[in-house]
Amino acid sequence: MTYSKFITEDRLEPKSDNLAERIGLLAEVSWEVCNKIGGIYAVLSTKARQLKEQFGDSLVFIGPDVWSQENPSPVFKEKKTLLKSASSKLRLPWGITIRTGRWDIPGAPIAILVNPGATSMHLNEFYGLMWERYRVDSLHSYGDYDESCAFAIASSIVLKALSEHLGIKEESIIAHFDEWTTGMGLLNTQITMPGASTIFTTHATSIGRSICGNGKNLYQYFNYYNGDQMAAELNMQSKHSLEKAAAHAADCFTTVSEVTARECEQLLEIHPQVVTPNGFEPGFVPKTTKYNKLRREGRDRLLKTAHAITGKTYNDETFIIATSGRNEYRNKGLDLYIDSMAALEEKIPSDKNAIAFVLVPAWVKSADQTLLHNLNSGSSSGSETEFLTHRLNNEDSDAICCRIRSLKAEGRFRKLDIIFVPSYLDGNDGIINIVYYDLLPAFDLTLFPSYYEPWGYTPLESCAFGVPTITTNKAGFGQWVLDNFKNDLHNSGVMVIDRQDTNYPESVEQISYTTLEYICEGSKVRTEARHAAFLTADKANWNFFIRYYNEAFRIALTRNKERN
């Protein structure tokens, strides 16, 4: 039975079971605690309020201390007296240090930032132990493997020391680890704290992402892939074996969608005990008055930026489209987005104006100085880049730049303009200077035509901010929409297209025609679509989805008893 069938049921919430009384410490370890890198940050930061209301300060998030006095975390508020002054009283080996504080997000949960000190000097000992116990192959490691393992092991050491400091019994502890980057910590916790219950969540399998990132067809040959074989072929043995070992060893293994659950079964050879779909925290969405203000300000800034780049004048009726997310050209559907916008240009009526934005971080050198001058002076001379807001260090090799330039050389993007904003939208990028969530209301439509997308926070966020969106059935969110709503912009605020390995041209046409139809709709229909998007996002509220985490906690506690 899929999670979608539980949306309006209470079967996962037995009334006689009080988890808050059974759990003395609920600790979640992730590289993205107080450290915004990707979608996992959104998962943790938006579910925190619900968990905090349920477990209070028994909930602790553990993340890496990658910050300095010169570059402090903008969301970590240090408070040394938390957890009985654990930051100064824990006795930790190898120069491991911690800082305690509050994560400045809804719920303000306790956060511990861990500096692994000299843990890396002892990795070979752990690698040997993990090979003997779990057959984790660390011999082929490279890149961020050692750094991730050092943090994960240090976190498990901190977790044990903290539980002893607070006098919490192991059997009332749940240790939750996210992604392969913390897998070594889970395995070490099972060795050093066998009474503690463990949960492992993979948000995307390392080998599945690698298959797609290397241009191989994941879906056409899906049932024939062997994870171990592909890991050897793609030099992913260490990450894959660690992830697979953690998934099998955990008392409860979870993932975020049925799409990824099938992938885990094929590539990790285990089906998750629970699928925990990603919800959204409604507190991130501004109320009506502020929302309308943000929409006006955002549109004004986007249109002025476009004017300064192209030299063209755009009226208030200009239709503004966007995509955003991680810079994975094929996986995130950036290829399909750009090509669909080129196809849309051929279809769009002469009386309609549209701009397509690509809001995807890249290797930024600096803000484009000509554009900056034009914005400050109000000049309409245009920019020499024709589509970039920031100059890149690798403009000649960046896949997005190369594709846009290629299409422009063919005479495309003259009627419909495409603009690439390659900087993180943190409010200080030098050009847009508006944070992403505050900019979202400015758009009329978003497109996220992903090829590989375990869940898909970007289309869910778009809906939550009342912006209709187009995504694919290869995203967990897209599949959830298909399972629960009518697949139509007007009725759900979401259109889910079928993306396969062999139907790229058909997908381009479907996206371009759907976008064209929506551009040509009247304001009343667009208002209804925006309202429908809000309603769809409401069904993905953490109020509904937190129950799947509670089920994972129960399973972990039960299976831990069996394991011991």
Protein backbone atom coordinates (compact mmCIF):
# COMPACT_ATOMS: atom_id res chain seq x y z
CA MET A 1 0.00 0.00 0.00
CA THR A 2 1.46 3.37 -0.93
CA TYR A 3 1.62 6.36 1.39
CA SER A 4 -0.82 8.26 -0.81
CA LYS A 5 -3.67 6.09 0.48
CA PHE A 6 -3.11 7.25 4.05
CA ILE A 7 -3.63 10.97 3.42
CA THR A 8 -7.05 11.11 5.09
CA GLU A 9 -6.74 8.08 7.41
CA ASP A 10 -5.52 7.66 10.98
CA ARG A 11 -4.28 4.10 10.72
CA LEU A 12 -0.71 5.21 11.37
CA GLU A 13 -1.61 6.94 14.64
CA PRO A 14 -2.68 4.44 17.33
CA LYS A 15 -4.15 6.49 20.18
CA SER A 16 -2.68 4.31 22.95
CA ASP A 17 0.92 4.82 21.88
CA ASN A 18 2.58 7.92 23.35
CA LEU A 19 5.89 8.24 21.55
CA ALA A 20 6.93 11.32 23.52
CA GLU A 21 6.98 9.22 26.71
CA ARG A 22 8.91 6.36 25.08
CA ILE A 23 11.63 8.50 23.46
CA GLY A 24 14.12 10.18 25.77
CA LEU A 25 16.31 11.51 22.96
CA LEU A 26 15.48 11.86 19.28
CA ALA A 27 18.66 12.88 17.47
CA GLU A 28 18.89 13.46 13.73
CA VAL A 29 22.31 13.68 12.11
CA SER A 30 22.74 15.38 8.74
CA TRP A 31 25.34 17.34 6.84
CA GLU A 32 22.61 19.94 6.20
CA VAL A 33 21.72 20.86 9.77
CA CYS A 34 22.18 24.65 9.91
CA ASN A 35 24.02 24.22 6.60
CA LYS A 36 21.94 24.88 3.49
CA ILE A 37 23.27 22.84 0.59
CA GLY A 38 20.30 21.14 -1.06
CA GLY A 39 16.87 19.66 -0.58
CA ILE A 40 17.63 17.86 2.70
CA TYR A 41 17.89 21.25 4.39
CA ALA A 42 14.31 21.91 3.34
CA VAL A 43 13.16 18.56 4.73
CA LEU A 44 14.77 19.09 8.12
CA SER A 45 13.98 22.77 8.54
CA THR A 46 10.31 22.45 7.58
CA LYS A 47 9.46 19.35 9.64
CA ALA A 48 11.22 20.63 12.77
CA ARG A 49 8.25 22.55 14.19
CA GLN A 50 5.99 19.50 14.12
CA LEU A 51 8.62 17.31 15.78
CA LYS A 52 9.43 20.00 18.35
CA GLU A 53 5.76 20.30 19.34
CA GLN A 54 5.68 16.54 19.88
CA PHE A 55 9.05 15.88 21.54
CA GLY A 56 10.10 19.26 22.92
CA ASP A 57 13.81 19.53 23.72
CA SER A 58 14.19 15.76 23.51
CA LEU A 59 14.62 16.58 19.80
CA VAL A 60 18.20 17.43 18.84
CA PHE A 61 19.65 18.05 15.38
CA ILE A 62 23.35 17.33 14.86
CA GLY A 63 25.25 18.96 11.99
CA PRO A 64 28.80 19.92 10.95
CA ASP A 65 30.55 22.93 12.41
CA VAL A 66 31.81 24.31 9.11
CA TRP A 67 31.56 27.91 10.29
CA SER A 68 34.03 30.42 11.67
CA GLN A 69 33.96 33.69 13.58
CA GLU A 70 34.46 35.53 10.30
CA ASN A 71 31.79 33.47 8.54
CA PRO A 72 29.17 32.49 11.15
CA SER A 73 26.08 30.43 10.37
CA PRO A 74 23.15 32.80 9.72
CA VAL A 75 20.70 30.31 11.28
CA PHE A 76 22.58 28.98 14.33
CA LYS A 77 22.12 30.87 17.59
CA GLU A 78 24.69 29.60 20.09
CA LYS A 79 23.61 28.97 23.68
CA LYS A 80 26.22 27.23 25.80
CA THR A 81 23.92 26.34 28.72
CA LEU A 82 21.73 23.97 26.66
CA LEU A 83 21.73 20.23 27.42
CA LYS A 84 23.21 20.79 30.89
CA SER A 85 26.08 22.81 29.41
CA ALA A 86 27.10 19.85 27.23
CA SER A 87 29.33 22.00 25.04
CA SER A 88 31.77 22.49 27.89
CA LYS A 89 31.23 19.34 29.95
CA LEU A 90 31.35 16.50 27.41
CA ARG A 91 34.62 14.58 27.46
CA LEU A 92 35.37 13.93 23.80
CA PRO A 93 38.47 12.30 22.24
CA TRP A 94 40.71 13.40 19.36
CA GLY A 95 40.01 17.12 19.71
CA ILE A 96 36.33 16.74 18.81
CA THR A 97 34.44 19.87 19.88
CA ILE A 98 30.79 20.87 19.82
CA ARG A 99 28.72 24.01 20.01
CA THR A 100 25.13 23.95 21.30
CA GLY A 101 22.40 26.35 20.30
CA ARG A 102 19.07 26.83 18.57
CA TRP A 103 18.37 26.44 14.87
CA ASP A 104 16.66 29.67 13.80
CA ILE A 105 13.73 28.06 12.00
CA PRO A 106 10.07 27.46 12.94
CA GLY A 107 10.12 25.48 16.20
CA ALA A 108 13.66 26.65 17.11
CA PRO A 109 14.92 23.13 17.90
CA ILE A 110 18.20 22.44 19.70
CA ALA A 111 21.13 22.02 17.33
CA ILE A 112 24.61 20.68 18.02
CA LEU A 113 27.39 21.60 15.60
CA VAL A 114 30.25 19.09 15.59
CA ASN A 115 33.87 19.77 14.70
CA PRO A 116 35.46 16.33 14.17
CA GLY A 117 38.92 17.52 15.22
CA ALA A 118 41.49 14.80 14.47
CA THR A 119 38.93 12.05 13.82
CA SER A 120 40.25 11.76 10.26
CA MET A 121 43.55 10.47 11.68
CA HIS A 122 41.71 7.38 12.95
CA LEU A 123 39.63 6.62 9.86
CA ASN A 124 41.67 3.59 8.79
CA GLU A 125 40.79 1.87 12.06
CA PHE A 126 37.10 2.46 11.43
CA TYR A 127 37.35 1.48 7.78
CA GLY A 128 38.87 -1.86 8.81
CA LEU A 129 36.18 -2.40 11.44
CA MET A 130 33.35 -1.53 9.04
CA TRP A 131 34.76 -3.93 6.44
CA GLU A 132 34.86 -6.74 8.98
CA ARG A 133 31.40 -6.04 10.41
CA TYR A 134 29.42 -4.74 7.41
CA ARG A 135 31.58 -5.25 4.30
CA VAL A 136 31.84 -1.50 3.65
CA ASP A 137 34.52 -1.05 0.97
CA SER A 138 36.44 2.15 1.77
CA LEU A 139 39.49 1.25 -0.33
CA HIS A 140 38.07 2.96 -3.41
CA SER A 141 37.11 6.17 -1.60
CA TYR A 142 37.79 9.62 -3.02
CA GLY A 143 36.43 13.15 -2.89
CA ASP A 144 34.24 13.92 0.11
CA TYR A 145 34.16 10.35 1.47
CA ASP A 146 36.77 10.80 4.21
CA GLU A 147 35.40 14.17 5.34
CA SER A 148 31.85 12.80 5.52
CA CYS A 149 32.91 9.71 7.46
CA ALA A 150 34.95 11.78 9.93
CA PHE A 151 31.92 13.97 10.65
CA ALA A 152 29.58 10.97 10.92
CA ILE A 153 31.85 9.06 13.31
CA ALA A 154 32.46 12.16 15.44
CA SER A 155 28.68 12.71 15.59
CA SER A 156 28.09 9.17 16.83
CA ILE A 157 30.78 9.70 19.50
CA VAL A 158 29.07 12.95 20.54
CA LEU A 159 25.71 11.19 20.64
CA LYS A 160 26.99 8.52 23.02
CA ALA A 161 28.73 11.05 25.25
CA LEU A 162 25.63 13.26 25.31
CA SER A 163 23.31 10.41 26.30
CA GLU A 164 25.64 9.45 29.16
CA HIS A 165 25.96 13.10 30.25
CA LEU A 166 22.17 13.48 30.33
CA GLY A 167 21.61 10.06 31.91
CA ILE A 168 19.36 8.83 29.10
CA LYS A 169 18.93 5.08 28.74
CA GLU A 170 19.98 3.66 25.38
CA GLU A 171 16.64 1.92 24.80
CA SER A 172 14.85 5.30 24.79
CA ILE A 173 17.19 6.81 22.17
CA ILE A 174 16.43 7.06 18.46
CA ALA A 175 19.37 8.03 16.27
CA HIS A 176 18.31 9.11 12.78
CA PHE A 177 20.96 9.43 10.04
CA ASP A 178 20.40 11.05 6.61
CA GLU A 179 22.13 9.99 3.39
CA TRP A 180 25.34 7.99 2.81
CA THR A 181 27.32 10.93 4.20
CA THR A 182 26.24 9.93 7.74
CA GLY A 183 26.06 6.15 7.19
CA MET A 184 29.35 5.48 9.00
CA GLY A 185 27.87 7.18 12.06
CA LEU A 186 24.87 4.85 12.06
CA LEU A 187 27.06 1.76 11.85
CA ASN A 188 29.31 3.02 14.63
CA THR A 189 26.28 3.82 16.79
CA GLN A 190 25.03 0.25 16.44
CA ILE A 191 28.43 -1.00 17.61
CA THR A 192 28.91 1.41 20.53
CA MET A 193 25.25 1.91 21.53
CA PRO A 194 23.49 -1.34 20.64
CA GLY A 195 20.48 -0.44 22.75
CA ALA A 196 19.75 2.70 20.72
CA SER A 197 17.28 2.43 17.83
CA THR A 198 18.57 3.60 14.45
CA ILE A 199 16.88 5.03 11.37
CA PHE A 200 18.55 5.56 8.02
CA THR A 201 17.01 7.74 5.29
CA THR A 202 18.30 7.86 1.76
CA HIS A 203 16.90 10.87 -0.07
CA ALA A 204 18.45 9.66 -3.36
CA THR A 205 20.61 6.61 -3.87
CA SER A 206 24.20 7.50 -4.69
CA ILE A 207 24.36 4.95 -7.50
CA GLY A 208 20.99 5.96 -9.03
CA ARG A 209 22.10 9.59 -9.14
CA SER A 210 25.43 8.52 -10.63
CA ILE A 211 23.80 6.40 -13.35
CA CYS A 212 21.73 9.39 -14.46
CA GLY A 213 24.56 11.88 -14.04
CA ASN A 214 26.74 9.79 -16.36
CA GLY A 215 24.16 9.98 -19.14
CA LYS A 216 22.95 6.39 -18.84
CA ASN A 217 19.29 5.51 -19.23
CA LEU A 218 17.99 4.64 -15.79
CA TYR A 219 14.40 3.76 -16.68
CA GLN A 220 14.75 1.88 -19.96
CA TYR A 221 16.99 -0.73 -18.34
CA PHE A 222 15.86 -0.26 -14.74
CA ASN A 223 14.98 -3.91 -14.00
CA TYR A 224 18.37 -5.09 -15.30
CA TYR A 225 20.62 -2.85 -13.21
CA ASN A 226 22.63 -4.34 -10.37
CA GLY A 227 23.76 -1.74 -7.84
CA ASP A 228 27.05 -3.42 -6.93
CA GLN A 229 27.97 -3.96 -10.57
CA MET A 230 27.18 -0.36 -11.51
CA ALA A 231 29.12 0.93 -8.49
CA ALA A 232 32.22 -0.89 -9.76
CA GLU A 233 31.69 0.43 -13.28
CA LEU A 234 31.21 4.04 -12.13
CA ASN A 235 33.89 3.96 -9.39
CA MET A 236 31.26 4.39 -6.68
CA GLN A 237 32.09 1.31 -4.58
CA SER A 238 32.74 3.14 -1.31
CA LYS A 239 29.71 5.41 -1.21
CA HIS A 240 27.41 2.70 -2.53
CA SER A 241 28.59 -0.01 -0.15
CA LEU A 242 28.33 2.37 2.82
CA GLU A 243 24.82 3.42 1.85
CA LYS A 244 23.75 -0.18 1.25
CA ALA A 245 25.21 -1.36 4.56
CA ALA A 246 23.47 1.44 6.50
CA ALA A 247 20.14 0.69 4.81
CA HIS A 248 20.34 -3.00 5.70
CA ALA A 249 21.70 -2.49 9.23
CA ALA A 250 19.27 0.24 10.36
CA ASP A 251 16.36 -0.72 12.58
CA CYS A 252 14.19 1.23 10.17
CA PHE A 253 15.11 2.21 6.62
CA THR A 254 13.10 4.98 4.97
CA THR A 255 13.06 7.01 1.79
CA VAL A 256 11.02 9.94 0.59
CA SER A 257 8.85 8.60 -2.25
CA GLU A 258 7.56 5.47 -3.90
CA VAL A 259 9.71 6.42 -6.91
CA THR A 260 12.87 6.13 -4.79
CA ALA A 261 11.54 3.13 -2.85
CA ARG A 262 11.51 1.15 -6.10
CA GLU A 263 15.02 2.39 -6.85
CA CYS A 264 16.24 1.25 -3.42
CA GLU A 265 14.73 -2.18 -3.93
CA GLN A 266 16.52 -2.55 -7.27
CA LEU A 267 19.89 -0.96 -6.47
CA LEU A 268 20.27 -1.43 -2.70
CA GLU A 269 18.37 -4.72 -2.62
CA ILE A 270 16.08 -3.61 0.19
CA HIS A 271 12.62 -2.06 0.21
CA PRO A 272 12.17 0.70 2.81
CA GLN A 273 10.06 -0.16 5.84
CA VAL A 274 8.36 3.25 5.56
CA VAL A 275 8.05 5.89 2.86
CA THR A 276 8.23 9.32 4.50
CA PRO A 277 7.07 11.90 1.93
CA ASN A 278 8.42 15.41 2.30
CA GLY A 279 5.97 17.95 3.62
CA PHE A 280 6.05 21.72 3.78
CA GLU A 281 5.84 24.16 6.67
CA PRO A 282 3.05 26.70 5.92
CA GLY A 283 4.72 29.24 8.20
CA PHE A 284 7.20 29.96 5.40
CA VAL A 285 4.41 31.41 3.22
CA PRO A 286 3.59 35.09 3.87
CA LYS A 287 0.05 36.29 4.52
CA THR A 288 -1.97 38.01 1.78
CA THR A 289 -0.86 41.62 2.27
CA LYS A 290 2.83 40.77 2.46
CA TYR A 291 2.47 38.19 -0.32
CA ASN A 292 1.01 40.79 -2.72
CA LYS A 293 3.78 43.23 -1.78
CA LEU A 294 6.46 40.60 -2.47
CA ARG A 295 4.86 39.77 -5.81
CA ARG A 296 4.93 43.41 -6.90
CA GLU A 297 8.49 43.99 -5.70
CA GLY A 298 9.76 40.74 -7.18
CA ARG A 299 8.20 41.34 -10.59
CA ASP A 300 9.52 44.88 -10.64
CA ARG A 301 13.07 43.69 -9.94
CA LEU A 302 12.91 40.85 -12.47
CA LEU A 303 11.54 43.09 -15.23
CA LYS A 304 14.11 45.80 -14.53
CA THR A 305 16.87 43.19 -14.64
CA ALA A 306 15.58 41.82 -17.94
CA HIS A 307 15.38 45.36 -19.33
CA ALA A 308 18.97 46.07 -18.28
CA ILE A 309 20.19 42.86 -19.95
CA THR A 310 18.23 42.90 -23.21
CA GLY A 311 17.49 46.60 -23.67
CA LYS A 312 13.81 45.70 -24.24
CA THR A 313 10.87 47.22 -22.42
CA TYR A 314 8.45 44.87 -20.63
CA ASN A 315 4.95 45.80 -19.51
CA ASP A 316 3.18 44.66 -16.35
CA GLU A 317 1.42 41.87 -18.27
CA THR A 318 4.70 40.14 -19.12
CA PHE A 319 4.43 36.43 -18.32
CA ILE A 320 7.32 35.34 -16.10
CA ILE A 321 8.44 31.69 -16.02
CA ALA A 322 11.20 30.12 -13.93
CA THR A 323 13.04 26.97 -13.01
CA SER A 324 15.39 26.57 -10.06
CA GLY A 325 17.28 24.04 -7.96
CA ARG A 326 20.54 22.14 -7.99
CA ASN A 327 22.82 22.52 -11.03
CA GLU A 328 22.38 19.02 -12.45
CA TYR A 329 21.80 19.65 -16.13
CA ARG A 330 20.05 16.41 -17.05
CA ASN A 331 18.83 15.14 -13.68
CA LYS A 332 16.97 18.34 -12.81
CA GLY A 333 15.57 18.73 -16.33
CA LEU A 334 17.45 21.92 -17.16
CA ASP A 335 18.03 20.54 -20.66
CA LEU A 336 14.32 19.96 -21.17
CA TYR A 337 13.40 23.34 -19.70
CA ILE A 338 15.67 25.30 -22.04
CA ASP A 339 14.61 23.34 -25.12
CA SER A 340 10.93 23.66 -24.18
CA MET A 341 11.29 27.44 -23.88
CA ALA A 342 12.90 27.51 -27.34
CA ALA A 343 9.92 25.55 -28.68
CA LEU A 344 7.50 27.86 -26.89
CA GLU A 345 9.00 30.88 -28.65
CA GLU A 346 7.88 29.49 -32.02
CA LYS A 347 4.29 29.21 -30.77
CA ILE A 348 3.76 32.31 -28.65
CA PRO A 349 1.46 35.01 -30.18
CA SER A 350 3.02 38.33 -31.12
CA ASP A 351 0.86 40.18 -28.58
CA LYS A 352 2.24 38.17 -25.65
CA ASN A 353 5.48 38.91 -23.81
CA ALA A 354 7.28 36.22 -21.81
CA ILE A 355 10.60 35.84 -20.00
CA ALA A 356 12.07 32.52 -18.88
CA PHE A 357 14.46 32.60 -15.89
CA VAL A 358 16.98 29.91 -14.93
CA LEU A 359 17.64 30.33 -11.20
CA VAL A 360 20.39 27.76 -10.75
CA PRO A 361 23.69 28.33 -8.87
CA ALA A 362 26.84 27.89 -10.94
CA TRP A 363 30.55 28.77 -10.65
CA VAL A 364 30.11 32.52 -10.22
CA LYS A 365 33.02 34.90 -10.67
CA SER A 366 31.20 38.18 -10.01
CA ALA A 367 28.07 40.16 -10.80
CA ASP A 368 28.10 41.42 -14.39
CA GLN A 369 29.41 44.97 -14.15
CA THR A 370 27.68 46.25 -17.29
CA LEU A 371 24.36 44.94 -15.99
CA LEU A 372 25.03 46.44 -12.58
CA HIS A 373 25.76 49.82 -14.18
CA ASN A 374 22.57 49.60 -16.25
CA LEU A 375 20.49 48.79 -13.18
CA ASN A 376 21.96 51.62 -11.14
CA SER A 377 21.72 54.19 -13.95
CA GLY A 378 18.44 53.01 -15.51
CA SER A 379 20.25 52.52 -18.82
CA SER A 380 18.66 50.34 -21.51
CA SER A 381 21.83 49.71 -23.51
CA GLY A 382 21.69 45.96 -22.82
CA SER A 383 24.41 43.65 -21.55
CA GLU A 384 27.21 42.06 -23.55
CA THR A 385 26.33 38.63 -22.16
CA GLU A 386 22.73 38.90 -23.49
CA PHE A 387 21.41 36.45 -20.89
CA LEU A 388 23.72 36.23 -17.83
CA THR A 389 23.27 38.25 -14.64
CA HIS A 390 26.66 37.12 -13.28
CA ARG A 391 29.90 36.23 -15.02
CA LEU A 392 31.11 32.67 -14.58
CA ASN A 393 34.57 31.20 -14.26
CA ASN A 394 33.64 28.56 -16.84
CA GLU A 395 31.25 30.21 -19.28
CA ASP A 396 32.71 28.22 -22.19
CA SER A 397 32.00 24.87 -20.54
CA ASP A 398 28.94 25.45 -18.35
CA ALA A 399 26.19 23.25 -19.82
CA ILE A 400 23.43 25.85 -19.35
CA CYS A 401 25.46 28.63 -20.96
CA CYS A 402 26.52 26.38 -23.84
CA ARG A 403 22.96 25.32 -24.65
CA ILE A 404 21.53 28.84 -24.49
CA ARG A 405 24.36 30.20 -26.66
CA SER A 406 23.85 27.39 -29.16
CA LEU A 407 20.13 28.13 -29.46
CA LYS A 408 20.79 31.86 -29.74
CA ALA A 409 23.24 31.17 -32.57
CA GLU A 410 20.36 29.39 -34.32
CA GLY A 411 18.25 32.53 -34.02
CA ARG A 412 16.24 31.43 -30.97
CA PHE A 413 15.33 33.50 -27.90
CA ARG A 414 14.67 36.75 -29.73
CA LYS A 415 10.95 37.00 -29.04
CA LEU A 416 10.97 35.08 -25.76
CA ASP A 417 13.97 36.07 -23.64
CA ILE A 418 15.82 33.63 -21.42
CA ILE A 419 17.90 34.88 -18.49
CA PHE A 420 20.32 32.81 -16.44
CA VAL A 421 20.76 33.85 -12.78
CA PRO A 422 23.65 31.59 -11.67
CA SER A 423 23.92 32.82 -8.07
CA TYR A 424 22.37 31.62 -4.83
CA LEU A 425 19.39 33.86 -4.14
CA ASP A 426 20.25 34.70 -0.55
CA GLY A 427 19.38 38.40 -0.85
CA ASN A 428 23.02 39.40 -1.36
CA ASP A 429 23.84 38.21 -4.87
CA GLY A 430 24.53 41.73 -6.13
CA ILE A 431 21.87 41.79 -8.87
CA ILE A 432 18.48 40.43 -7.80
CA ASN A 433 19.12 40.90 -4.07
CA ILE A 434 15.92 39.13 -3.04
CA VAL A 435 15.90 35.77 -1.23
CA TYR A 436 14.39 32.89 -3.20
CA TYR A 437 11.24 32.44 -1.11
CA ASP A 438 10.50 36.18 -1.32
CA LEU A 439 10.97 36.06 -5.09
CA LEU A 440 8.74 33.03 -5.72
CA PRO A 441 5.40 34.93 -5.66
CA ALA A 442 6.61 37.03 -8.62
CA PHE A 443 6.37 34.15 -11.09
CA ASP A 444 3.34 33.17 -13.14
CA LEU A 445 4.47 29.59 -13.78
CA THR A 446 7.38 27.35 -12.78
CA LEU A 447 8.78 24.34 -14.62
CA PHE A 448 10.71 21.46 -13.06
CA PRO A 449 10.83 18.74 -15.74
CA SER A 450 13.21 16.47 -13.83
CA TYR A 451 14.70 13.26 -15.16
CA TYR A 452 15.85 12.11 -11.71
CA GLU A 453 14.09 13.60 -8.67
CA PRO A 454 13.48 11.48 -5.54
CA TRP A 455 10.91 13.95 -4.20
CA GLY A 456 10.95 17.44 -5.68
CA TYR A 457 10.77 20.28 -3.18
CA THR A 458 10.93 22.98 -5.82
CA PRO A 459 7.52 22.22 -7.39
CA LEU A 460 5.98 21.72 -3.93
CA GLU A 461 7.40 25.05 -2.77
CA SER A 462 6.04 26.67 -5.91
CA CYS A 463 2.55 25.37 -5.11
CA ALA A 464 2.88 26.47 -1.48
CA PHE A 465 3.53 30.00 -2.75
CA GLY A 466 0.56 29.86 -5.12
CA VAL A 467 2.53 29.50 -8.35
CA PRO A 468 1.24 26.75 -10.71
CA THR A 469 3.94 24.34 -11.78
CA ILE A 470 4.83 21.70 -14.37
CA THR A 471 6.85 18.67 -13.25
CA THR A 472 7.28 15.03 -14.28
CA ASN A 473 6.33 11.55 -13.16
CA LYS A 474 10.01 10.92 -12.42
CA ALA A 475 9.71 13.18 -9.37
CA GLY A 476 8.25 11.77 -6.17
CA PHE A 477 6.08 14.86 -5.79
CA GLY A 478 4.82 14.45 -9.35
CA GLN A 479 3.85 10.86 -8.68
CA TRP A 480 2.11 11.91 -5.46
CA VAL A 481 0.07 14.45 -7.43
CA LEU A 482 -0.92 11.78 -9.95
CA ASP A 483 -2.02 9.51 -7.10
CA ASN A 484 -4.14 12.14 -5.38
CA PHE A 485 -5.30 14.88 -7.76
CA LYS A 486 -6.54 15.60 -11.24
CA ASN A 487 -3.53 16.20 -13.46
CA ASP A 488 -4.29 19.70 -14.65
CA LEU A 489 -3.04 23.23 -13.93
CA HIS A 490 -6.57 24.52 -13.49
CA ASN A 491 -7.72 21.86 -11.04
CA SER A 492 -4.62 21.15 -8.96
CA GLY A 493 -2.16 23.87 -9.95
CA VAL A 494 0.13 21.08 -11.18
CA MET A 495 0.68 19.44 -14.55
CA VAL A 496 2.69 16.22 -14.50
CA ILE A 497 4.20 15.12 -17.79
CA ASP A 498 5.42 11.64 -18.65
CA ARG A 499 9.21 11.77 -19.05
CA GLN A 500 10.92 8.63 -20.32
CA ASP A 501 14.31 7.79 -21.79
CA THR A 502 12.90 7.74 -25.31
CA ASN A 503 10.32 10.56 -25.47
CA TYR A 504 12.39 13.75 -25.15
CA PRO A 505 10.93 15.48 -28.27
CA GLU A 506 7.39 14.63 -27.16
CA SER A 507 8.11 16.06 -23.70
CA VAL A 508 9.39 19.30 -25.26
CA GLU A 509 6.17 19.65 -27.23
CA GLN A 510 3.92 18.83 -24.29
CA ILE A 511 5.60 21.35 -22.01
CA SER A 512 5.66 24.10 -24.63
CA TYR A 513 1.97 23.59 -25.54
CA THR A 514 0.85 23.43 -21.91
CA THR A 515 2.77 26.62 -21.15
CA LEU A 516 1.36 28.33 -24.25
CA GLU A 517 -2.21 27.47 -23.28
CA TYR A 518 -1.69 28.84 -19.81
CA ILE A 519 -0.11 32.07 -21.09
CA CYS A 520 -3.17 32.64 -23.27
CA GLU A 521 -5.64 32.10 -20.41
CA GLY A 522 -7.50 35.03 -18.91
CA SER A 523 -6.69 36.48 -15.50
CA LYS A 524 -9.70 34.76 -13.88
CA VAL A 525 -8.50 31.30 -14.93
CA ARG A 526 -4.96 32.05 -13.78
CA THR A 527 -6.26 33.19 -10.39
CA GLU A 528 -8.17 29.90 -10.07
CA ALA A 529 -5.02 27.96 -10.95
CA ARG A 530 -3.01 29.83 -8.32
CA HIS A 531 -5.70 29.05 -5.75
CA ALA A 532 -5.64 25.39 -6.79
CA ALA A 533 -1.87 25.32 -6.27
CA PHE A 534 -2.32 26.62 -2.71
CA LEU A 535 -4.88 23.89 -2.00
CA THR A 536 -2.63 21.14 -3.36
CA ALA A 537 0.26 22.29 -1.19
CA ASP A 538 -2.07 22.26 1.84
CA LYS A 539 -2.43 18.49 1.40
CA ALA A 540 1.36 18.15 1.64
CA ASN A 541 1.45 19.99 4.96
CA TRP A 542 3.60 18.36 7.65
CA ASN A 543 0.39 18.11 9.69
CA PHE A 544 -0.46 15.20 7.39
CA PHE A 545 2.98 13.80 6.62
CA ILE A 546 4.60 13.75 10.08
CA ARG A 547 2.64 10.57 10.83
CA TYR A 548 4.98 8.60 8.56
CA TYR A 549 7.95 9.62 10.70
CA ASN A 550 6.06 8.52 13.80
CA GLU A 551 5.53 5.15 12.15
CA ALA A 552 9.26 4.96 11.42
CA PHE A 553 10.00 5.71 15.09
CA ARG A 554 7.68 2.89 16.20
CA ILE A 555 9.20 0.41 13.78
CA ALA A 556 12.73 1.34 14.85
CA LEU A 557 11.89 0.86 18.53
CA THR A 558 10.21 -2.49 17.87
CA ARG A 559 12.89 -3.92 15.60
CA ASN A 560 15.63 -2.76 17.97
CA LYS A 561 14.08 -4.92 20.69
CA GLU A 562 14.13 -7.87 18.30
CA ARG A 563 17.75 -7.12 17.32
CA ASN A 564 18.85 -7.12 20.96
